């Protein structure tokens, strides 16, 4: 099995990306994105910065099309790339709040966390 093939489960497609195009900007081959779209799978992107999760439409809303020539010089491979750093930070913040909500907190602390959760949902 090639190291570039994603893991496909019943609910998601997990893509591990090792080399950024630049900074925190990564690209996913359109073949994998079409599979995610056709089977209504979530897209989980694992990078050295962390993990981010997308639906097909949320990934494509911020993505830019790129063509790269690899094996066949006459036929380019099409990638859709986007910066993942902001999404990783949002996911980490959401996971921290979820963890705190599941732990036992006083009523006042829980209300503050719920407000923070609602604000986070609005920003996403």
PDB file of N, CA and C in Angstrom:
ATOM      1  N   UNK A   1       0.844  -1.184   0.000  1.00  0.00           N
ATOM      2  CA  UNK A   1       0.000   0.000   0.000  1.00  0.00           C
ATOM      3  C   UNK A   1       0.885   1.242   0.000  1.00  0.00           C
ATOM      4  N   UNK A   2       0.555   2.161  -0.831  1.00  0.00           N
ATOM      5  CA  UNK A   2       1.339   3.382  -0.965  1.00  0.00           C
ATOM      6  C   UNK A   2       1.130   4.284   0.244  1.00  0.00           C
ATOM      7  N   UNK A   3       2.142   5.067   0.578  1.00  0.00           N
ATOM      8  CA  UNK A   3       2.029   5.965   1.719  1.00  0.00           C
ATOM      9  C   UNK A   3       1.116   7.145   1.430  1.00  0.00           C
ATOM     10  N   UNK A   4       0.763   7.361   0.177  1.00  0.00           N
ATOM     11  CA  UNK A   4      -0.072   8.501  -0.173  1.00  0.00           C
ATOM     12  C   UNK A   4      -1.551   8.167  -0.252  1.00  0.00           C
ATOM     13  N   UNK A   5      -1.923   6.902  -0.081  1.00  0.00           N
ATOM     14  CA  UNK A   5      -3.330   6.534  -0.129  1.00  0.00           C
ATOM     15  C   UNK A   5      -3.990   6.853   1.208  1.00  0.00           C
ATOM     16  N   UNK A   6      -5.164   7.452   1.172  1.00  0.00           N
ATOM     17  CA  UNK A   6      -5.847   7.758   2.429  1.00  0.00           C
ATOM     18  C   UNK A   6      -6.540   6.527   2.998  1.00  0.00           C
ATOM     19  N   UNK A   7      -6.934   6.628   4.246  1.00  0.00           N
ATOM     20  CA  UNK A   7      -7.712   5.589   4.900  1.00  0.00           C
ATOM     21  C   UNK A   7      -9.178   5.976   4.730  1.00  0.00           C
ATOM     22  N   UNK A   8      -9.968   5.078   4.168  1.00  0.00           N
ATOM     23  CA  UNK A   8     -11.381   5.361   3.935  1.00  0.00           C
ATOM     24  C   UNK A   8     -12.206   4.491   4.875  1.00  0.00           C
ATOM     25  N   UNK A   9     -13.025   5.148   5.717  1.00  0.00           N
ATOM     26  CA  UNK A   9     -13.914   4.444   6.636  1.00  0.00           C
ATOM     27  C   UNK A   9     -15.353   4.675   6.192  1.00  0.00           C
ATOM     28  N   UNK A  10     -16.297   4.216   7.004  1.00  0.00           N
ATOM     29  CA  UNK A  10     -17.714   4.397   6.667  1.00  0.00           C
ATOM     30  C   UNK A  10     -18.151   5.856   6.710  1.00  0.00           C
ATOM     31  N   UNK A  11     -17.496   6.670   7.547  1.00  0.00           N
ATOM     32  CA  UNK A  11     -17.937   8.046   7.746  1.00  0.00           C
ATOM     33  C   UNK A  11     -16.940   9.101   7.304  1.00  0.00           C
ATOM     34  N   UNK A  12     -15.706   8.706   7.056  1.00  0.00           N
ATOM     35  CA  UNK A  12     -14.705   9.717   6.724  1.00  0.00           C
ATOM     36  C   UNK A  12     -13.605   9.151   5.847  1.00  0.00           C
ATOM     37  N   UNK A  13     -12.870  10.084   5.276  1.00  0.00           N
ATOM     38  CA  UNK A  13     -11.668   9.759   4.515  1.00  0.00           C
ATOM     39  C   UNK A  13     -10.518  10.485   5.231  1.00  0.00           C
ATOM     40  N   UNK A  14      -9.528   9.731   5.681  1.00  0.00           N
ATOM     41  CA  UNK A  14      -8.440  10.280   6.488  1.00  0.00           C
ATOM     42  C   UNK A  14      -7.204  10.410   5.610  1.00  0.00           C
ATOM     43  N   UNK A  15      -6.770  11.660   5.412  1.00  0.00           N
ATOM     44  CA  UNK A  15      -5.637  11.948   4.541  1.00  0.00           C
ATOM     45  C   UNK A  15      -4.487  12.458   5.397  1.00  0.00           C
ATOM     46  N   UNK A  16      -3.354  11.764   5.352  1.00  0.00           N
ATOM     47  CA  UNK A  16      -2.161  12.219   6.061  1.00  0.00           C
ATOM     48  C   UNK A  16      -1.260  12.927   5.064  1.00  0.00           C
ATOM     49  N   UNK A  17      -1.025  14.209   5.303  1.00  0.00           N
ATOM     50  CA  UNK A  17      -0.213  15.016   4.399  1.00  0.00           C
ATOM     51  C   UNK A  17       1.110  15.340   5.075  1.00  0.00           C
ATOM     52  N   UNK A  18       2.210  15.044   4.395  1.00  0.00           N
ATOM     53  CA  UNK A  18       3.532  15.199   4.987  1.00  0.00           C
ATOM     54  C   UNK A  18       4.254  16.457   4.520  1.00  0.00           C
ATOM     55  N   UNK A  19       4.114  16.797   3.247  1.00  0.00           N
ATOM     56  CA  UNK A  19       4.862  17.932   2.708  1.00  0.00           C
ATOM     57  C   UNK A  19       3.909  19.067   2.337  1.00  0.00           C
ATOM     58  N   UNK A  20       4.051  20.217   2.993  1.00  0.00           N
ATOM     59  CA  UNK A  20       3.225  21.356   2.591  1.00  0.00           C
ATOM     60  C   UNK A  20       3.733  21.950   1.283  1.00  0.00           C
ATOM     61  N   UNK A  21       2.839  22.592   0.571  1.00  0.00           N
ATOM     62  CA  UNK A  21       3.246  23.303  -0.636  1.00  0.00           C
ATOM     63  C   UNK A  21       4.050  24.523  -0.219  1.00  0.00           C
ATOM     64  N   UNK A  22       3.560  25.236   0.760  1.00  0.00           N
ATOM     65  CA  UNK A  22       4.320  26.269   1.455  1.00  0.00           C
ATOM     66  C   UNK A  22       3.640  26.531   2.787  1.00  0.00           C
ATOM     67  N   UNK A  23       4.418  26.867   3.794  1.00  0.00           N
ATOM     68  CA  UNK A  23       3.937  27.173   5.137  1.00  0.00           C
ATOM     69  C   UNK A  23       2.949  26.101   5.618  1.00  0.00           C
ATOM     70  N   UNK A  24       1.677  26.454   5.815  1.00  0.00           N
ATOM     71  CA  UNK A  24       0.680  25.461   6.246  1.00  0.00           C
ATOM     72  C   UNK A  24      -0.340  25.218   5.138  1.00  0.00           C
ATOM     73  N   UNK A  25       0.073  25.394   3.903  1.00  0.00           N
ATOM     74  CA  UNK A  25      -0.799  25.243   2.739  1.00  0.00           C
ATOM     75  C   UNK A  25      -0.583  23.852   2.143  1.00  0.00           C
ATOM     76  N   UNK A  26      -1.628  23.037   2.164  1.00  0.00           N
ATOM     77  CA  UNK A  26      -1.556  21.659   1.676  1.00  0.00           C
ATOM     78  C   UNK A  26      -2.560  21.451   0.558  1.00  0.00           C
ATOM     79  N   UNK A  27      -2.298  20.479  -0.294  1.00  0.00           N
ATOM     80  CA  UNK A  27      -3.197  20.135  -1.386  1.00  0.00           C
ATOM     81  C   UNK A  27      -3.635  18.685  -1.323  1.00  0.00           C
ATOM     82  N   UNK A  28      -4.889  18.428  -1.709  1.00  0.00           N
ATOM     83  CA  UNK A  28      -5.427  17.070  -1.760  1.00  0.00           C
ATOM     84  C   UNK A  28      -5.801  16.765  -3.203  1.00  0.00           C
ATOM     85  N   UNK A  29      -5.443  15.594  -3.650  1.00  0.00           N
ATOM     86  CA  UNK A  29      -5.723  15.152  -5.008  1.00  0.00           C
ATOM     87  C   UNK A  29      -7.234  15.109  -5.222  1.00  0.00           C
ATOM     88  N   UNK A  30      -7.675  15.583  -6.379  1.00  0.00           N
ATOM     89  CA  UNK A  30      -9.111  15.654  -6.651  1.00  0.00           C
ATOM     90  C   UNK A  30      -9.784  14.289  -6.659  1.00  0.00           C
ATOM     91  N   UNK A  31      -9.037  13.240  -6.916  1.00  0.00           N
ATOM     92  CA  UNK A  31      -9.597  11.883  -6.884  1.00  0.00           C
ATOM     93  C   UNK A  31     -10.176  11.577  -5.505  1.00  0.00           C
ATOM     94  N   UNK A  32      -9.444  11.902  -4.446  1.00  0.00           N
ATOM     95  CA  UNK A  32      -9.905  11.629  -3.086  1.00  0.00           C
ATOM     96  C   UNK A  32     -11.066  12.544  -2.716  1.00  0.00           C
ATOM     97  N   UNK A  33     -11.043  13.770  -3.198  1.00  0.00           N
ATOM     98  CA  UNK A  33     -12.148  14.685  -2.912  1.00  0.00           C
ATOM     99  C   UNK A  33     -13.435  14.237  -3.591  1.00  0.00           C
ATOM    100  N   UNK A  34     -13.316  13.701  -4.809  1.00  0.00           N
ATOM    101  CA  UNK A  34     -14.509  13.197  -5.500  1.00  0.00           C
ATOM    102  C   UNK A  34     -15.100  11.995  -4.775  1.00  0.00           C
ATOM    103  N   UNK A  35     -14.248  11.131  -4.244  1.00  0.00           N
ATOM    104  CA  UNK A  35     -14.723   9.984  -3.470  1.00  0.00           C
ATOM    105  C   UNK A  35     -15.475  10.476  -2.230  1.00  0.00           C
ATOM    106  N   UNK A  36     -14.915  11.477  -1.550  1.00  0.00           N
ATOM    107  CA  UNK A  36     -15.568  12.033  -0.363  1.00  0.00           C
ATOM    108  C   UNK A  36     -16.917  12.656  -0.723  1.00  0.00           C
ATOM    109  N   UNK A  37     -16.976  13.348  -1.854  1.00  0.00           N
ATOM    110  CA  UNK A  37     -18.235  13.971  -2.289  1.00  0.00           C
ATOM    111  C   UNK A  37     -19.275  12.917  -2.654  1.00  0.00           C
ATOM    112  N   UNK A  38     -18.886  11.933  -3.424  1.00  0.00           N
ATOM    113  CA  UNK A  38     -19.835  10.932  -3.902  1.00  0.00           C
ATOM    114  C   UNK A  38     -20.401  10.062  -2.781  1.00  0.00           C
ATOM    115  N   UNK A  39     -19.590   9.783  -1.767  1.00  0.00           N
ATOM    116  CA  UNK A  39     -20.030   8.922  -0.669  1.00  0.00           C
ATOM    117  C   UNK A  39     -20.414   9.707   0.584  1.00  0.00           C
ATOM    118  N   UNK A  40     -20.433  11.051   0.459  1.00  0.00           N
ATOM    119  CA  UNK A  40     -20.791  11.940   1.576  1.00  0.00           C
ATOM    120  C   UNK A  40     -19.948  11.653   2.823  1.00  0.00           C
ATOM    121  N   UNK A  41     -18.632  11.641   2.630  1.00  0.00           N
ATOM    122  CA  UNK A  41     -17.692  11.367   3.710  1.00  0.00           C
ATOM    123  C   UNK A  41     -17.089  12.663   4.235  1.00  0.00           C
ATOM    124  N   UNK A  42     -16.794  12.706   5.526  1.00  0.00           N
ATOM    125  CA  UNK A  42     -16.034  13.819   6.081  1.00  0.00           C
ATOM    126  C   UNK A  42     -14.584  13.661   5.661  1.00  0.00           C
ATOM    127  N   UNK A  43     -13.886  14.775   5.550  1.00  0.00           N
ATOM    128  CA  UNK A  43     -12.474  14.768   5.169  1.00  0.00           C
ATOM    129  C   UNK A  43     -11.655  15.131   6.401  1.00  0.00           C
ATOM    130  N   UNK A  44     -10.834  14.199   6.878  1.00  0.00           N
ATOM    131  CA  UNK A  44      -9.975  14.431   8.036  1.00  0.00           C
ATOM    132  C   UNK A  44      -8.556  14.598   7.505  1.00  0.00           C
ATOM    133  N   UNK A  45      -7.975  15.768   7.745  1.00  0.00           N
ATOM    134  CA  UNK A  45      -6.637  16.083   7.244  1.00  0.00           C
ATOM    135  C   UNK A  45      -5.664  16.105   8.421  1.00  0.00           C
ATOM    136  N   UNK A  46      -4.674  15.203   8.376  1.00  0.00           N
ATOM    137  CA  UNK A  46      -3.648  15.144   9.419  1.00  0.00           C
ATOM    138  C   UNK A  46      -2.360  15.721   8.854  1.00  0.00           C
ATOM    139  N   UNK A  47      -1.830  16.732   9.538  1.00  0.00           N
ATOM    140  CA  UNK A  47      -0.583  17.366   9.131  1.00  0.00           C
ATOM    141  C   UNK A  47       0.336  17.459  10.342  1.00  0.00           C
ATOM    142  N   UNK A  48       1.524  18.012  10.148  1.00  0.00           N
ATOM    143  CA  UNK A  48       2.436  18.192  11.272  1.00  0.00           C
ATOM    144  C   UNK A  48       1.932  19.276  12.229  1.00  0.00           C
ATOM    145  N   UNK A  49       1.008  20.127  11.770  1.00  0.00           N
ATOM    146  CA  UNK A  49       0.441  21.173  12.615  1.00  0.00           C
ATOM    147  C   UNK A  49      -0.688  20.658  13.494  1.00  0.00           C
ATOM    148  N   UNK A  50      -1.316  19.561  13.076  1.00  0.00           N
ATOM    149  CA  UNK A  50      -2.437  18.998  13.817  1.00  0.00           C
ATOM    150  C   UNK A  50      -3.458  18.421  12.851  1.00  0.00           C
ATOM    151  N   UNK A  51      -4.644  18.183  13.368  1.00  0.00           N
ATOM    152  CA  UNK A  51      -5.710  17.562  12.594  1.00  0.00           C
ATOM    153  C   UNK A  51      -6.836  18.561  12.390  1.00  0.00           C
ATOM    154  N   UNK A  52      -7.412  18.557  11.192  1.00  0.00           N
ATOM    155  CA  UNK A  52      -8.592  19.372  10.920  1.00  0.00           C
ATOM    156  C   UNK A  52      -9.613  18.514  10.188  1.00  0.00           C
ATOM    157  N   UNK A  53     -10.890  18.834  10.387  1.00  0.00           N
ATOM    158  CA  UNK A  53     -11.976  18.048   9.820  1.00  0.00           C
ATOM    159  C   UNK A  53     -12.858  18.945   8.964  1.00  0.00           C
ATOM    160  N   UNK A  54     -13.250  18.443   7.799  1.00  0.00           N
ATOM    161  CA  UNK A  54     -14.071  19.208   6.861  1.00  0.00           C
ATOM    162  C   UNK A  54     -15.168  18.320   6.282  1.00  0.00           C
ATOM    163  N   UNK A  55     -16.208  18.965   5.801  1.00  0.00           N
ATOM    164  CA  UNK A  55     -17.110  18.313   4.867  1.00  0.00           C
ATOM    165  C   UNK A  55     -16.574  18.658   3.477  1.00  0.00           C
ATOM    166  N   UNK A  56     -17.111  18.034   2.459  1.00  0.00           N
ATOM    167  CA  UNK A  56     -16.628  18.327   1.106  1.00  0.00           C
ATOM    168  C   UNK A  56     -16.839  19.807   0.775  1.00  0.00           C
ATOM    169  N   UNK A  57     -18.028  20.320   1.064  1.00  0.00           N
ATOM    170  CA  UNK A  57     -18.327  21.713   0.699  1.00  0.00           C
ATOM    171  C   UNK A  57     -17.504  22.712   1.508  1.00  0.00           C
ATOM    172  N   UNK A  58     -17.247  22.410   2.786  1.00  0.00           N
ATOM    173  CA  UNK A  58     -16.443  23.345   3.581  1.00  0.00           C
ATOM    174  C   UNK A  58     -14.984  23.343   3.120  1.00  0.00           C
ATOM    175  N   UNK A  59     -14.482  22.189   2.688  1.00  0.00           N
ATOM    176  CA  UNK A  59     -13.112  22.154   2.176  1.00  0.00           C
ATOM    177  C   UNK A  59     -13.010  22.939   0.871  1.00  0.00           C
ATOM    178  N   UNK A  60     -13.955  22.714  -0.014  1.00  0.00           N
ATOM    179  CA  UNK A  60     -13.899  23.346  -1.331  1.00  0.00           C
ATOM    180  C   UNK A  60     -14.177  24.845  -1.273  1.00  0.00           C
ATOM    181  N   UNK A  61     -14.863  25.321  -0.227  1.00  0.00           N
ATOM    182  CA  UNK A  61     -15.168  26.747  -0.152  1.00  0.00           C
ATOM    183  C   UNK A  61     -13.903  27.595   0.003  1.00  0.00           C
ATOM    184  N   UNK A  62     -12.860  27.044   0.605  1.00  0.00           N
ATOM    185  CA  UNK A  62     -11.628  27.801   0.769  1.00  0.00           C
ATOM    186  C   UNK A  62     -10.477  27.277  -0.062  1.00  0.00           C
ATOM    187  N   UNK A  63     -10.757  26.345  -0.962  1.00  0.00           N
ATOM    188  CA  UNK A  63      -9.684  25.683  -1.712  1.00  0.00           C
ATOM    189  C   UNK A  63      -9.417  26.374  -3.052  1.00  0.00           C
ATOM    190  N   UNK A  64      -8.189  26.206  -3.516  1.00  0.00           N
ATOM    191  CA  UNK A  64      -7.774  26.744  -4.808  1.00  0.00           C
ATOM    192  C   UNK A  64      -7.251  25.599  -5.658  1.00  0.00           C
ATOM    193  N   UNK A  65      -7.606  25.600  -6.917  1.00  0.00           N
ATOM    194  CA  UNK A  65      -7.200  24.534  -7.832  1.00  0.00           C
ATOM    195  C   UNK A  65      -5.746  24.712  -8.264  1.00  0.00           C
ATOM    196  N   UNK A  66      -5.009  23.582  -8.287  1.00  0.00           N
ATOM    197  CA  UNK A  66      -3.614  23.594  -8.716  1.00  0.00           C
ATOM    198  C   UNK A  66      -3.382  22.410  -9.639  1.00  0.00           C
ATOM    199  N   UNK A  67      -2.512  22.576 -10.593  1.00  0.00           N
ATOM    200  CA  UNK A  67      -2.128  21.482 -11.480  1.00  0.00           C
ATOM    201  C   UNK A  67      -0.649  21.196 -11.280  1.00  0.00           C
ATOM    202  N   UNK A  68      -0.326  19.911 -11.118  1.00  0.00           N
ATOM    203  CA  UNK A  68       1.057  19.488 -10.945  1.00  0.00           C
ATOM    204  C   UNK A  68       1.334  18.353 -11.935  1.00  0.00           C
ATOM    205  N   UNK A  69       2.513  18.360 -12.505  1.00  0.00           N
ATOM    206  CA  UNK A  69       2.918  17.316 -13.448  1.00  0.00           C
ATOM    207  C   UNK A  69       3.848  16.352 -12.732  1.00  0.00           C
ATOM    208  N   UNK A  70       3.449  15.095 -12.640  1.00  0.00           N
ATOM    209  CA  UNK A  70       4.266  14.090 -11.967  1.00  0.00           C
ATOM    210  C   UNK A  70       4.651  12.981 -12.927  1.00  0.00           C
ATOM    211  N   UNK A  71       3.873  11.919 -13.012  1.00  0.00           N
ATOM    212  CA  UNK A  71       4.256  10.766 -13.826  1.00  0.00           C
ATOM    213  C   UNK A  71       4.115  11.022 -15.318  1.00  0.00           C
ATOM    214  N   UNK A  72       3.008  11.575 -15.735  1.00  0.00           N
ATOM    215  CA  UNK A  72       2.752  11.801 -17.154  1.00  0.00           C
ATOM    216  C   UNK A  72       2.896  13.295 -17.458  1.00  0.00           C
ATOM    217  N   UNK A  73       3.914  13.698 -18.210  1.00  0.00           N
ATOM    218  CA  UNK A  73       4.123  15.127 -18.465  1.00  0.00           C
ATOM    219  C   UNK A  73       3.038  15.758 -19.342  1.00  0.00           C
ATOM    220  N   UNK A  74       2.235  14.944 -20.020  1.00  0.00           N
ATOM    221  CA  UNK A  74       1.174  15.487 -20.872  1.00  0.00           C
ATOM    222  C   UNK A  74      -0.148  15.634 -20.140  1.00  0.00           C
ATOM    223  N   UNK A  75      -0.263  15.030 -18.983  1.00  0.00           N
ATOM    224  CA  UNK A  75      -1.528  15.040 -18.251  1.00  0.00           C
ATOM    225  C   UNK A  75      -1.279  15.469 -16.796  1.00  0.00           C
ATOM    226  N   UNK A  76      -1.723  16.654 -16.408  1.00  0.00           N
ATOM    227  CA  UNK A  76      -1.455  17.120 -15.046  1.00  0.00           C
ATOM    228  C   UNK A  76      -2.376  16.442 -14.022  1.00  0.00           C
ATOM    229  N   UNK A  77      -1.876  16.335 -12.805  1.00  0.00           N
ATOM    230  CA  UNK A  77      -2.704  15.889 -11.689  1.00  0.00           C
ATOM    231  C   UNK A  77      -3.314  17.144 -11.083  1.00  0.00           C
ATOM    232  N   UNK A  78      -4.585  17.078 -10.749  1.00  0.00           N
ATOM    233  CA  UNK A  78      -5.293  18.245 -10.215  1.00  0.00           C
ATOM    234  C   UNK A  78      -5.412  18.099  -8.703  1.00  0.00           C
ATOM    235  N   UNK A  79      -4.985  19.147  -8.004  1.00  0.00           N
ATOM    236  CA  UNK A  79      -5.060  19.208  -6.551  1.00  0.00           C
ATOM    237  C   UNK A  79      -5.898  20.418  -6.158  1.00  0.00           C
ATOM    238  N   UNK A  80      -6.522  20.332  -5.002  1.00  0.00           N
ATOM    239  CA  UNK A  80      -7.205  21.478  -4.420  1.00  0.00           C
ATOM    240  C   UNK A  80      -6.538  21.752  -3.088  1.00  0.00           C
ATOM    241  N   UNK A  81      -5.972  22.943  -2.967  1.00  0.00           N
ATOM    242  CA  UNK A  81      -5.188  23.263  -1.785  1.00  0.00           C
ATOM    243  C   UNK A  81      -5.788  24.375  -0.964  1.00  0.00           C
ATOM    244  N   UNK A  82      -5.470  24.342   0.321  1.00  0.00           N
ATOM    245  CA  UNK A  82      -5.888  25.398   1.244  1.00  0.00           C
ATOM    246  C   UNK A  82      -4.983  25.391   2.457  1.00  0.00           C
ATOM    247  N   UNK A  83      -4.985  26.484   3.183  1.00  0.00           N
ATOM    248  CA  UNK A  83      -4.215  26.583   4.412  1.00  0.00           C
ATOM    249  C   UNK A  83      -5.018  25.917   5.533  1.00  0.00           C
ATOM    250  N   UNK A  84      -4.384  25.052   6.298  1.00  0.00           N
ATOM    251  CA  UNK A  84      -5.099  24.299   7.317  1.00  0.00           C
ATOM    252  C   UNK A  84      -4.858  24.818   8.733  1.00  0.00           C
ATOM    253  N   UNK A  85      -3.952  25.754   8.913  1.00  0.00           N
ATOM    254  CA  UNK A  85      -3.556  26.171  10.254  1.00  0.00           C
ATOM    255  C   UNK A  85      -4.716  26.763  11.053  1.00  0.00           C
ATOM    256  N   UNK A  86      -5.501  27.637  10.457  1.00  0.00           N
ATOM    257  CA  UNK A  86      -6.611  28.259  11.190  1.00  0.00           C
ATOM    258  C   UNK A  86      -7.655  27.213  11.584  1.00  0.00           C
ATOM    259  N   UNK A  87      -7.886  26.229  10.731  1.00  0.00           N
ATOM    260  CA  UNK A  87      -8.852  25.179  11.033  1.00  0.00           C
ATOM    261  C   UNK A  87      -8.349  24.254  12.144  1.00  0.00           C
ATOM    262  N   UNK A  88      -7.049  24.009  12.173  1.00  0.00           N
ATOM    263  CA  UNK A  88      -6.463  23.200  13.242  1.00  0.00           C
ATOM    264  C   UNK A  88      -6.636  23.908  14.580  1.00  0.00           C
ATOM    265  N   UNK A  89      -6.394  25.212  14.599  1.00  0.00           N
ATOM    266  CA  UNK A  89      -6.533  25.975  15.842  1.00  0.00           C
ATOM    267  C   UNK A  89      -7.986  26.004  16.322  1.00  0.00           C
ATOM    268  N   UNK A  90      -8.936  26.163  15.397  1.00  0.00           N
ATOM    269  CA  UNK A  90     -10.354  26.140  15.770  1.00  0.00           C
ATOM    270  C   UNK A  90     -10.745  24.788  16.344  1.00  0.00           C
ATOM    271  N   UNK A  91     -10.257  23.714  15.727  1.00  0.00           N
ATOM    272  CA  UNK A  91     -10.587  22.371  16.204  1.00  0.00           C
ATOM    273  C   UNK A  91     -10.002  22.133  17.587  1.00  0.00           C
ATOM    274  N   UNK A  92      -8.765  22.565  17.813  1.00  0.00           N
ATOM    275  CA  UNK A  92      -8.141  22.389  19.126  1.00  0.00           C
ATOM    276  C   UNK A  92      -8.918  23.141  20.205  1.00  0.00           C
ATOM    277  N   UNK A  93      -9.345  24.360  19.889  1.00  0.00           N
ATOM    278  CA  UNK A  93     -10.119  25.154  20.837  1.00  0.00           C
ATOM    279  C   UNK A  93     -11.454  24.476  21.146  1.00  0.00           C
ATOM    280  N   UNK A  94     -12.098  23.957  20.111  1.00  0.00           N
ATOM    281  CA  UNK A  94     -13.381  23.274  20.293  1.00  0.00           C
ATOM    282  C   UNK A  94     -13.208  22.026  21.148  1.00  0.00           C
ATOM    283  N   UNK A  95     -12.149  21.262  20.897  1.00  0.00           N
ATOM    284  CA  UNK A  95     -11.900  20.036  21.665  1.00  0.00           C
ATOM    285  C   UNK A  95     -11.629  20.345  23.138  1.00  0.00           C
ATOM    286  N   UNK A  96     -10.924  21.448  23.429  1.00  0.00           N
ATOM    287  CA  UNK A  96     -10.674  21.839  24.814  1.00  0.00           C
ATOM    288  C   UNK A  96     -11.981  22.155  25.527  1.00  0.00           C
ATOM    289  N   UNK A  97     -12.848  22.905  24.854  1.00  0.00           N
ATOM    290  CA  UNK A  97     -14.133  23.272  25.454  1.00  0.00           C
ATOM    291  C   UNK A  97     -14.992  22.029  25.676  1.00  0.00           C
ATOM    292  N   UNK A  98     -15.016  21.119  24.694  1.00  0.00           N
ATOM    293  CA  UNK A  98     -15.789  19.882  24.849  1.00  0.00           C
ATOM    294  C   UNK A  98     -15.285  19.063  26.026  1.00  0.00           C
ATOM    295  N   UNK A  99     -13.976  19.005  26.196  1.00  0.00           N
ATOM    296  CA  UNK A  99     -13.396  18.244  27.298  1.00  0.00           C
ATOM    297  C   UNK A  99     -13.797  18.853  28.637  1.00  0.00           C
ATOM    298  N   UNK A 100     -13.755  20.183  28.712  1.00  0.00           N
ATOM    299  CA  UNK A 100     -14.139  20.853  29.953  1.00  0.00           C
ATOM    300  C   UNK A 100     -15.621  20.679  30.242  1.00  0.00           C
ATOM    301  N   UNK A 101     -16.456  20.675  29.210  1.00  0.00           N
ATOM    302  CA  UNK A 101     -17.888  20.492  29.409  1.00  0.00           C
ATOM    303  C   UNK A 101     -18.200  19.089  29.933  1.00  0.00           C
ATOM    304  N   UNK A 102     -17.422  18.099  29.524  1.00  0.00           N
ATOM    305  CA  UNK A 102     -17.677  16.739  29.973  1.00  0.00           C
ATOM    306  C   UNK A 102     -17.171  16.491  31.390  1.00  0.00           C
ATOM    307  N   UNK A 103     -16.243  17.308  31.859  1.00  0.00           N
ATOM    308  CA  UNK A 103     -15.767  17.182  33.227  1.00  0.00           C
ATOM    309  C   UNK A 103     -16.764  17.863  34.154  1.00  0.00           C
ATOM    310  N   UNK A 104     -16.702  17.554  35.418  1.00  0.00           N
ATOM    311  CA  UNK A 104     -17.629  18.158  36.381  1.00  0.00           C
ATOM    312  C   UNK A 104     -17.206  19.578  36.732  1.00  0.00           C
ATOM    313  N   UNK A 105     -18.032  20.548  36.383  1.00  0.00           N
ATOM    314  CA  UNK A 105     -17.780  21.944  36.720  1.00  0.00           C
ATOM    315  C   UNK A 105     -18.975  22.488  37.473  1.00  0.00           C
ATOM    316  N   UNK A 106     -18.750  23.580  38.202  1.00  0.00           N
ATOM    317  CA  UNK A 106     -19.864  24.229  38.884  1.00  0.00           C
ATOM    318  C   UNK A 106     -20.812  24.823  37.849  1.00  0.00           C
ATOM    319  N   UNK A 107     -21.988  25.192  38.281  1.00  0.00           N
ATOM    320  CA  UNK A 107     -23.006  25.707  37.371  1.00  0.00           C
ATOM    321  C   UNK A 107     -22.523  26.988  36.681  1.00  0.00           C
ATOM    322  N   UNK A 108     -21.880  27.878  37.427  1.00  0.00           N
ATOM    323  CA  UNK A 108     -21.396  29.135  36.850  1.00  0.00           C
ATOM    324  C   UNK A 108     -20.305  28.864  35.800  1.00  0.00           C
ATOM    325  N   UNK A 109     -19.383  27.982  36.114  1.00  0.00           N
ATOM    326  CA  UNK A 109     -18.325  27.640  35.164  1.00  0.00           C
ATOM    327  C   UNK A 109     -18.882  26.993  33.910  1.00  0.00           C
ATOM    328  N   UNK A 110     -19.893  26.151  34.077  1.00  0.00           N
ATOM    329  CA  UNK A 110     -20.516  25.479  32.934  1.00  0.00           C
ATOM    330  C   UNK A 110     -21.213  26.505  32.034  1.00  0.00           C
ATOM    331  N   UNK A 111     -21.869  27.497  32.621  1.00  0.00           N
ATOM    332  CA  UNK A 111     -22.530  28.540  31.821  1.00  0.00           C
ATOM    333  C   UNK A 111     -21.515  29.332  31.006  1.00  0.00           C
ATOM    334  N   UNK A 112     -20.371  29.627  31.600  1.00  0.00           N
ATOM    335  CA  UNK A 112     -19.332  30.361  30.886  1.00  0.00           C
ATOM    336  C   UNK A 112     -18.805  29.533  29.714  1.00  0.00           C
ATOM    337  N   UNK A 113     -18.622  28.231  29.932  1.00  0.00           N
ATOM    338  CA  UNK A 113     -18.149  27.357  28.862  1.00  0.00           C
ATOM    339  C   UNK A 113     -19.184  27.232  27.744  1.00  0.00           C
ATOM    340  N   UNK A 114     -20.454  27.158  28.109  1.00  0.00           N
ATOM    341  CA  UNK A 114     -21.499  27.081  27.089  1.00  0.00           C
ATOM    342  C   UNK A 114     -21.539  28.346  26.245  1.00  0.00           C
ATOM    343  N   UNK A 115     -21.340  29.512  26.868  1.00  0.00           N
ATOM    344  CA  UNK A 115     -21.274  30.764  26.104  1.00  0.00           C
ATOM    345  C   UNK A 115     -20.087  30.753  25.154  1.00  0.00           C
ATOM    346  N   UNK A 116     -18.946  30.290  25.638  1.00  0.00           N
ATOM    347  CA  UNK A 116     -17.756  30.206  24.784  1.00  0.00           C
ATOM    348  C   UNK A 116     -17.998  29.234  23.635  1.00  0.00           C
ATOM    349  N   UNK A 117     -18.692  28.130  23.901  1.00  0.00           N
ATOM    350  CA  UNK A 117     -19.022  27.145  22.868  1.00  0.00           C
ATOM    351  C   UNK A 117     -19.903  27.781  21.800  1.00  0.00           C
ATOM    352  N   UNK A 118     -20.912  28.533  22.198  1.00  0.00           N
ATOM    353  CA  UNK A 118     -21.815  29.181  21.242  1.00  0.00           C
ATOM    354  C   UNK A 118     -21.080  30.206  20.392  1.00  0.00           C
ATOM    355  N   UNK A 119     -20.175  30.964  21.008  1.00  0.00           N
ATOM    356  CA  UNK A 119     -19.396  31.950  20.252  1.00  0.00           C
ATOM    357  C   UNK A 119     -18.485  31.259  19.235  1.00  0.00           C
ATOM    358  N   UNK A 120     -17.915  30.140  19.648  1.00  0.00           N
ATOM    359  CA  UNK A 120     -17.061  29.380  18.738  1.00  0.00           C
ATOM    360  C   UNK A 120     -17.869  28.853  17.561  1.00  0.00           C
ATOM    361  N   UNK A 121     -19.073  28.364  17.805  1.00  0.00           N
ATOM    362  CA  UNK A 121     -19.926  27.857  16.726  1.00  0.00           C
ATOM    363  C   UNK A 121     -20.295  28.961  15.741  1.00  0.00           C
ATOM    364  N   UNK A 122     -20.504  30.184  16.235  1.00  0.00           N
ATOM    365  CA  UNK A 122     -20.815  31.313  15.344  1.00  0.00           C
ATOM    366  C   UNK A 122     -19.631  31.653  14.449  1.00  0.00           C
ATOM    367  N   UNK A 123     -18.412  31.530  14.990  1.00  0.00           N
ATOM    368  CA  UNK A 123     -17.231  31.901  14.218  1.00  0.00           C
ATOM    369  C   UNK A 123     -16.900  30.858  13.142  1.00  0.00           C
ATOM    370  N   UNK A 124     -17.376  29.645  13.334  1.00  0.00           N
ATOM    371  CA  UNK A 124     -17.113  28.585  12.352  1.00  0.00           C
ATOM    372  C   UNK A 124     -18.122  28.685  11.290  1.00  0.00           C
TER     373      UNK A 124
END
